[in-house]
Amino acid sequence: MQLRTALTTGLETLLEHQVPSAQLAAELLLMHILHCDRAFLHSNAEMNLPPEKTERYFLLIDERTTGKPTQYITGHQEFWGLDFEVTPDVLIPRPETERAVERVLELARRSGLAKEARLRIVDVGTGSGCIALALASELPRAILFGADISRPALVVASRNAVRLEMPERVKFLESDLLARFLDKDFLGTFDFVVSNPPYVGKRDIEMVQREVRQFEPRIAWGGDLERGDEIYARLLPQALEALKPGGFVVVEIGYNMRAKVLALLGQEWTEIEVMPDLAGIPRVVSARKKETGGRRQDSEGRRQVAGGGAIQNLKSKI
């Protein structure tokens, strides 16, 4: 069977089963089988596929029709220009989560901190390690930690650090949020606490894509949360303890979390800002721990910041 025919047949099968982004999935699965890039697919459309590769391709197409995400089938997802291993033990990195990485870098620059600064950063709920390792790639002298309650997720994150040739850049620790970082060795030492926490409440589960509901780790997206803001309510007070005076917390939020998260930020915080994604949906909240004797930037201390981000809601959920 010619490559073009296989690709067309695979696409038709995915469309029949109403698979999202069917064209992309059909191409990625064939690229995975052939270990090639997209340019090769389209420049060699008349090439004959060996029967064993044709059979394997259509098995993967059938697997995708069950709802299993393409990234779990191929075992890969790109984030911040880096190739990450992903397994069902970790949430699949989404482009919009790059907004959290961008925000940390923006705040570091705004604070006059050079890329070579010895920043101390902890990524809470690190999953595949995508945020921590993306920051490590941009901040060569930063001291980074990745925390997760899931031991299998930490194994994947550690493998990604090795694959990306950054095995010593991030220390991954098993921790329920910042619990491991609330002793005297860590209190008040961090410049940034960054997190993409679970935030889907039970009322919103039916709005979540099937791929997420049935295949991605529930602990990572929050399907067991009553309201969706429970993790923020625990994390923000812990971040206040872990941060230096003047340090920042940066969290991703769901489409309906803006007001709830802002309400959790008390008088101890200043420079509270909300960044939308390209679709205009509030996506990232950042806040600065007050310096001793510091004052709020304005009466509200909250402002909407334009620009940045990526289309869609992070976990491809709602």
Protein backbone atom coordinates (compact mmCIF):
# COMPACT_ATOMS: atom_id res chain seq x y z
CA MET A 1 0.00 0.00 0.00
CA GLN A 2 1.26 3.45 -0.90
CA LEU A 3 2.00 5.86 1.90
CA ARG A 4 -0.63 8.31 0.59
CA THR A 5 -3.29 5.61 0.57
CA ALA A 6 -2.46 4.46 4.08
CA LEU A 7 -2.63 8.02 5.38
CA THR A 8 -5.95 8.70 3.65
CA THR A 9 -7.47 5.45 4.91
CA GLY A 10 -6.26 6.12 8.44
CA LEU A 11 -7.70 9.63 8.35
CA GLU A 12 -11.07 8.38 7.12
CA THR A 13 -11.23 5.86 9.96
CA LEU A 14 -10.46 8.55 12.56
CA LEU A 15 -13.05 10.90 11.08
CA GLU A 16 -15.68 8.17 11.15
CA HIS A 17 -15.05 7.82 14.89
CA GLN A 18 -15.07 11.61 15.40
CA VAL A 19 -11.54 11.67 16.74
CA PRO A 20 -10.42 15.26 17.48
CA SER A 21 -7.61 16.65 15.28
CA ALA A 22 -7.90 13.58 13.07
CA GLN A 23 -5.50 14.81 10.37
CA LEU A 24 -2.78 15.51 12.91
CA ALA A 25 -3.31 12.16 14.63
CA ALA A 26 -3.17 10.22 11.33
CA GLU A 27 0.10 11.92 10.41
CA LEU A 28 1.72 11.60 13.83
CA LEU A 29 0.96 7.89 14.02
CA LEU A 30 2.43 7.25 10.58
CA MET A 31 5.46 9.39 11.42
CA HIS A 32 5.87 7.28 14.56
CA ILE A 33 5.77 4.04 12.57
CA LEU A 34 8.25 5.29 9.98
CA HIS A 35 10.46 7.30 12.38
CA CYS A 36 10.22 10.27 10.03
CA ASP A 37 9.03 13.88 9.98
CA ARG A 38 6.00 15.40 8.27
CA ALA A 39 8.03 16.62 5.31
CA PHE A 40 9.04 13.04 4.53
CA LEU A 41 5.40 11.91 4.54
CA HIS A 42 4.35 14.44 1.95
CA SER A 43 7.44 14.23 -0.24
CA ASN A 44 7.27 10.42 -0.44
CA ALA A 45 3.52 9.96 -0.84
CA GLU A 46 3.91 7.28 -3.52
CA MET A 47 6.34 5.17 -1.53
CA ASN A 48 5.14 1.64 -0.85
CA LEU A 49 4.84 0.76 2.81
CA PRO A 50 6.09 -2.68 3.88
CA PRO A 51 3.14 -4.90 4.88
CA GLU A 52 4.27 -5.14 8.50
CA LYS A 53 4.39 -1.35 8.84
CA THR A 54 1.00 -0.99 7.16
CA GLU A 55 -0.49 -3.50 9.59
CA ARG A 56 1.12 -1.78 12.55
CA TYR A 57 -0.15 1.61 11.41
CA PHE A 58 -3.75 0.51 11.23
CA LEU A 59 -3.49 -1.15 14.63
CA LEU A 60 -2.45 2.22 16.04
CA ILE A 61 -5.28 3.94 14.17
CA ASP A 62 -7.73 1.47 15.76
CA GLU A 63 -6.19 2.17 19.16
CA ARG A 64 -6.71 5.91 18.65
CA THR A 65 -10.40 5.36 17.84
CA THR A 66 -10.89 4.04 21.39
CA GLY A 67 -10.09 7.53 22.68
CA LYS A 68 -6.56 6.77 23.80
CA PRO A 69 -4.55 9.96 23.20
CA THR A 70 -2.06 9.96 20.36
CA GLN A 71 0.67 11.00 22.80
CA TYR A 72 0.17 7.88 24.91
CA ILE A 73 0.32 5.73 21.79
CA THR A 74 3.55 7.28 20.53
CA GLY A 75 4.94 7.98 24.01
CA HIS A 76 5.97 11.53 23.07
CA GLN A 77 4.80 15.13 23.33
CA GLU A 78 6.61 18.35 22.48
CA PHE A 79 6.66 21.14 25.05
CA TRP A 80 8.74 24.33 24.92
CA GLY A 81 10.53 22.91 21.90
CA LEU A 82 11.62 19.86 23.91
CA ASP A 83 10.61 16.24 23.29
CA PHE A 84 9.05 14.72 26.42
CA GLU A 85 8.28 11.11 27.15
CA VAL A 86 4.68 10.74 28.29
CA THR A 87 2.92 7.71 29.75
CA PRO A 88 -0.52 7.23 31.34
CA ASP A 89 1.19 8.04 34.67
CA VAL A 90 1.44 11.71 33.73
CA LEU A 91 -0.77 14.42 32.32
CA ILE A 92 0.00 15.20 28.69
CA PRO A 93 1.71 18.63 28.49
CA ARG A 94 -0.44 21.20 26.69
CA PRO A 95 0.80 24.23 24.74
CA GLU A 96 -1.14 26.63 26.99
CA THR A 97 0.88 25.50 30.01
CA GLU A 98 3.86 27.15 28.34
CA ARG A 99 2.23 30.39 29.51
CA ALA A 100 3.31 29.52 33.07
CA VAL A 101 6.90 29.10 31.89
CA GLU A 102 6.71 32.41 30.01
CA ARG A 103 5.34 34.12 33.11
CA VAL A 104 8.19 32.96 35.35
CA LEU A 105 10.72 34.23 32.82
CA GLU A 106 8.84 37.54 32.44
CA LEU A 107 8.76 38.10 36.20
CA ALA A 108 12.44 37.24 36.56
CA ARG A 109 13.33 39.80 33.89
CA ARG A 110 11.03 42.41 35.40
CA SER A 111 12.74 41.92 38.75
CA GLY A 112 16.11 42.57 37.16
CA LEU A 113 17.28 38.98 37.51
CA ALA A 114 19.64 37.82 34.78
CA LYS A 115 19.33 34.38 33.21
CA GLU A 116 22.51 33.46 35.05
CA ALA A 117 21.00 34.26 38.46
CA ARG A 118 20.93 31.48 41.07
CA LEU A 119 17.16 31.44 41.29
CA ARG A 120 15.48 28.84 43.48
CA ILE A 121 12.34 27.45 41.87
CA VAL A 122 9.97 24.63 42.79
CA ASP A 123 7.44 23.15 40.35
CA VAL A 124 4.53 21.67 42.29
CA GLY A 125 2.72 18.75 40.66
CA THR A 126 5.55 18.37 38.19
CA GLY A 127 4.12 15.35 36.34
CA SER A 128 6.31 14.76 33.29
CA GLY A 129 8.65 17.49 34.52
CA CYS A 130 7.78 19.72 31.57
CA ILE A 131 7.61 23.04 33.44
CA ALA A 132 10.71 22.44 35.57
CA LEU A 133 12.80 21.17 32.65
CA ALA A 134 11.63 23.97 30.34
CA LEU A 135 12.77 26.47 32.97
CA ALA A 136 16.03 24.58 33.41
CA SER A 137 16.67 24.95 29.68
CA GLU A 138 16.26 28.74 29.96
CA LEU A 139 17.90 29.40 33.33
CA PRO A 140 21.28 27.66 33.35
CA ARG A 141 22.20 28.51 36.96
CA ALA A 142 18.79 28.12 38.58
CA ILE A 143 18.32 25.59 41.38
CA LEU A 144 15.15 23.67 40.54
CA PHE A 145 12.95 21.17 42.32
CA GLY A 146 10.04 19.18 40.97
CA ALA A 147 7.47 17.90 43.47
CA ASP A 148 4.72 15.37 42.89
CA ILE A 149 2.60 13.10 45.08
CA SER A 150 2.79 10.39 42.40
CA ARG A 151 5.91 8.25 42.50
CA PRO A 152 5.31 6.84 38.98
CA ALA A 153 5.09 10.41 37.66
CA LEU A 154 8.42 11.24 39.27
CA VAL A 155 9.99 8.24 37.52
CA VAL A 156 8.82 9.63 34.16
CA ALA A 157 10.05 13.12 35.06
CA SER A 158 13.46 11.75 36.00
CA ARG A 159 13.71 9.86 32.71
CA ASN A 160 12.86 13.06 30.86
CA ALA A 161 15.65 14.89 32.65
CA VAL A 162 18.09 12.22 31.46
CA ARG A 163 16.69 12.16 27.91
CA LEU A 164 17.00 15.94 27.67
CA GLU A 165 20.57 15.83 28.99
CA MET A 166 19.66 17.69 32.18
CA PRO A 167 19.94 14.87 34.75
CA GLU A 168 21.46 17.11 37.44
CA ARG A 169 19.42 20.25 36.81
CA VAL A 170 16.19 19.34 38.62
CA LYS A 171 15.82 17.43 41.87
CA PHE A 172 12.55 15.51 41.85
CA LEU A 173 10.95 14.79 45.24
CA GLU A 174 7.84 12.92 46.31
CA SER A 175 5.68 15.45 48.13
CA ASP A 176 2.03 16.28 48.75
CA LEU A 177 2.14 19.80 47.30
CA LEU A 178 4.86 21.64 49.27
CA ALA A 179 4.80 19.42 52.36
CA ARG A 180 8.45 18.38 51.89
CA PHE A 181 9.49 22.02 51.59
CA LEU A 182 8.01 23.36 54.82
CA ASP A 183 10.95 22.62 57.11
CA LYS A 184 13.70 25.00 58.21
CA ASP A 185 15.97 24.08 55.29
CA PHE A 186 13.45 25.33 52.72
CA LEU A 187 11.20 27.90 54.43
CA GLY A 188 11.55 31.34 52.92
CA THR A 189 14.19 30.29 50.40
CA PHE A 190 12.38 30.15 47.03
CA ASP A 191 12.18 32.85 44.39
CA PHE A 192 9.36 31.09 42.53
CA VAL A 193 6.68 28.53 43.26
CA VAL A 194 5.08 27.47 39.99
CA SER A 195 2.28 24.95 39.51
CA ASN A 196 -0.27 23.55 37.10
CA PRO A 197 -2.50 21.90 39.72
CA PRO A 198 -5.67 19.84 39.31
CA TYR A 199 -8.66 22.16 38.96
CA VAL A 200 -11.64 20.31 37.48
CA GLY A 201 -14.55 20.09 39.90
CA LYS A 202 -17.16 17.34 39.82
CA ARG A 203 -19.72 19.65 38.24
CA ASP A 204 -17.47 20.13 35.20
CA ILE A 205 -16.51 16.51 34.55
CA GLU A 206 -18.97 16.07 31.70
CA MET A 207 -17.34 19.01 29.90
CA VAL A 208 -13.98 17.25 29.93
CA GLN A 209 -12.91 15.48 26.74
CA ARG A 210 -13.21 11.71 26.70
CA GLU A 211 -9.46 11.41 26.16
CA VAL A 212 -8.86 13.15 29.48
CA ARG A 213 -11.67 11.50 31.48
CA GLN A 214 -10.85 7.95 30.47
CA PHE A 215 -7.10 7.95 29.96
CA GLU A 216 -5.23 10.73 31.78
CA PRO A 217 -4.47 10.32 35.51
CA ARG A 218 -7.45 11.63 37.47
CA ILE A 219 -5.22 12.81 40.30
CA ALA A 220 -3.54 15.19 37.84
CA TRP A 221 -6.64 16.92 36.46
CA GLY A 222 -8.92 16.89 39.47
CA GLY A 223 -12.05 14.92 38.68
CA ASP A 224 -12.51 14.04 42.36
CA LEU A 225 -12.50 17.67 43.54
CA GLU A 226 -15.84 19.03 44.72
CA ARG A 227 -15.40 22.64 43.57
CA GLY A 228 -12.06 22.73 41.73
CA ASP A 229 -10.34 25.28 43.96
CA GLU A 230 -9.35 22.94 46.80
CA ILE A 231 -5.73 22.53 45.68
CA TYR A 232 -5.23 26.29 45.40
CA ALA A 233 -6.63 26.73 48.91
CA ARG A 234 -3.91 24.40 50.23
CA LEU A 235 -1.09 25.44 47.92
CA LEU A 236 -1.17 29.23 48.26
CA PRO A 237 -0.62 29.34 52.06
CA GLN A 238 2.22 26.84 51.66
CA ALA A 239 3.74 28.94 48.88
CA LEU A 240 3.64 31.96 51.18
CA GLU A 241 5.80 30.04 53.66
CA ALA A 242 8.22 28.66 51.08
CA LEU A 243 8.85 31.92 49.23
CA LYS A 244 11.34 34.61 50.08
CA PRO A 245 9.90 38.07 50.71
CA GLY A 246 9.41 39.40 47.19
CA GLY A 247 9.15 35.90 45.72
CA PHE A 248 6.43 34.94 43.23
CA VAL A 249 3.78 32.26 42.97
CA VAL A 250 2.66 31.38 39.41
CA VAL A 251 -0.29 29.02 38.91
CA GLU A 252 -2.29 27.88 35.94
CA ILE A 253 -6.06 28.14 36.36
CA GLY A 254 -9.15 26.69 34.70
CA TYR A 255 -11.58 28.76 32.65
CA ASN A 256 -13.86 29.39 35.68
CA MET A 257 -11.21 29.65 38.41
CA ARG A 258 -10.21 33.33 38.18
CA ALA A 259 -12.46 34.74 40.89
CA LYS A 260 -11.99 31.75 43.19
CA VAL A 261 -8.20 31.89 43.05
CA LEU A 262 -8.04 35.67 43.45
CA ALA A 263 -10.26 35.39 46.51
CA LEU A 264 -7.68 33.08 48.10
CA LEU A 265 -4.89 35.65 47.78
CA GLY A 266 -4.95 37.69 50.97
CA GLN A 267 -3.21 40.83 52.21
CA GLU A 268 0.15 39.03 52.27
CA TRP A 269 0.28 39.21 48.47
CA THR A 270 0.82 42.09 46.06
CA GLU A 271 1.25 42.57 42.28
CA ILE A 272 -1.57 40.11 41.64
CA GLU A 273 -1.99 39.63 37.91
CA VAL A 274 -4.08 37.46 35.58
CA MET A 275 -2.73 36.46 32.16
CA PRO A 276 -5.10 35.23 29.44
CA ASP A 277 -4.29 32.74 26.74
CA LEU A 278 -4.66 33.52 23.04
CA ALA A 279 -8.36 32.73 23.24
CA GLY A 280 -8.76 35.40 25.92
CA ILE A 281 -9.44 32.84 28.66
CA PRO A 282 -7.82 33.61 32.03
CA ARG A 283 -4.98 31.10 32.15
CA VAL A 284 -2.27 32.06 34.66
CA VAL A 285 -2.37 33.93 37.96
CA SER A 286 0.81 35.34 39.48
CA ALA A 287 1.32 37.13 42.79
CA ARG A 288 4.27 38.46 44.77
CA LYS A 289 4.86 37.85 48.44
CA LYS A 290 5.05 41.21 50.15
CA GLU A 291 8.38 42.50 51.28
CA THR A 292 8.53 43.29 54.99
CA GLY A 293 6.60 46.50 55.46
CA GLY A 294 5.66 46.49 51.75
CA ARG A 295 2.49 48.01 50.33
CA ARG A 296 0.14 46.93 47.57
CA GLN A 297 0.77 48.28 44.12
CA ASP A 298 -2.77 49.69 43.97
CA SER A 299 -6.04 49.52 45.87
CA GLU A 300 -6.99 46.20 44.35
CA GLY A 301 -3.53 44.82 43.65
CA ARG A 302 -5.04 42.92 40.73
CA ARG A 303 -4.89 43.60 37.05
CA GLN A 304 -5.49 41.80 33.81
CA VAL A 305 -2.40 41.44 31.61
CA ALA A 306 -2.87 41.15 27.88
CA GLY A 307 -1.21 38.70 25.54
CA GLY A 308 0.70 35.45 25.74
CA GLY A 309 -0.34 31.85 26.06
CA ALA A 310 -1.91 29.29 23.79
CA ILE A 311 -5.30 28.50 22.43
CA GLN A 312 -7.58 26.18 24.38
CA ASN A 313 -7.91 25.20 27.96
CA LEU A 314 -4.86 23.43 29.35
CA LYS A 315 -6.00 19.96 29.98
CA SER A 316 -8.08 19.95 26.79
CA LYS A 317 -10.92 19.71 29.18
CA ILE A 318 -13.31 22.62 29.35
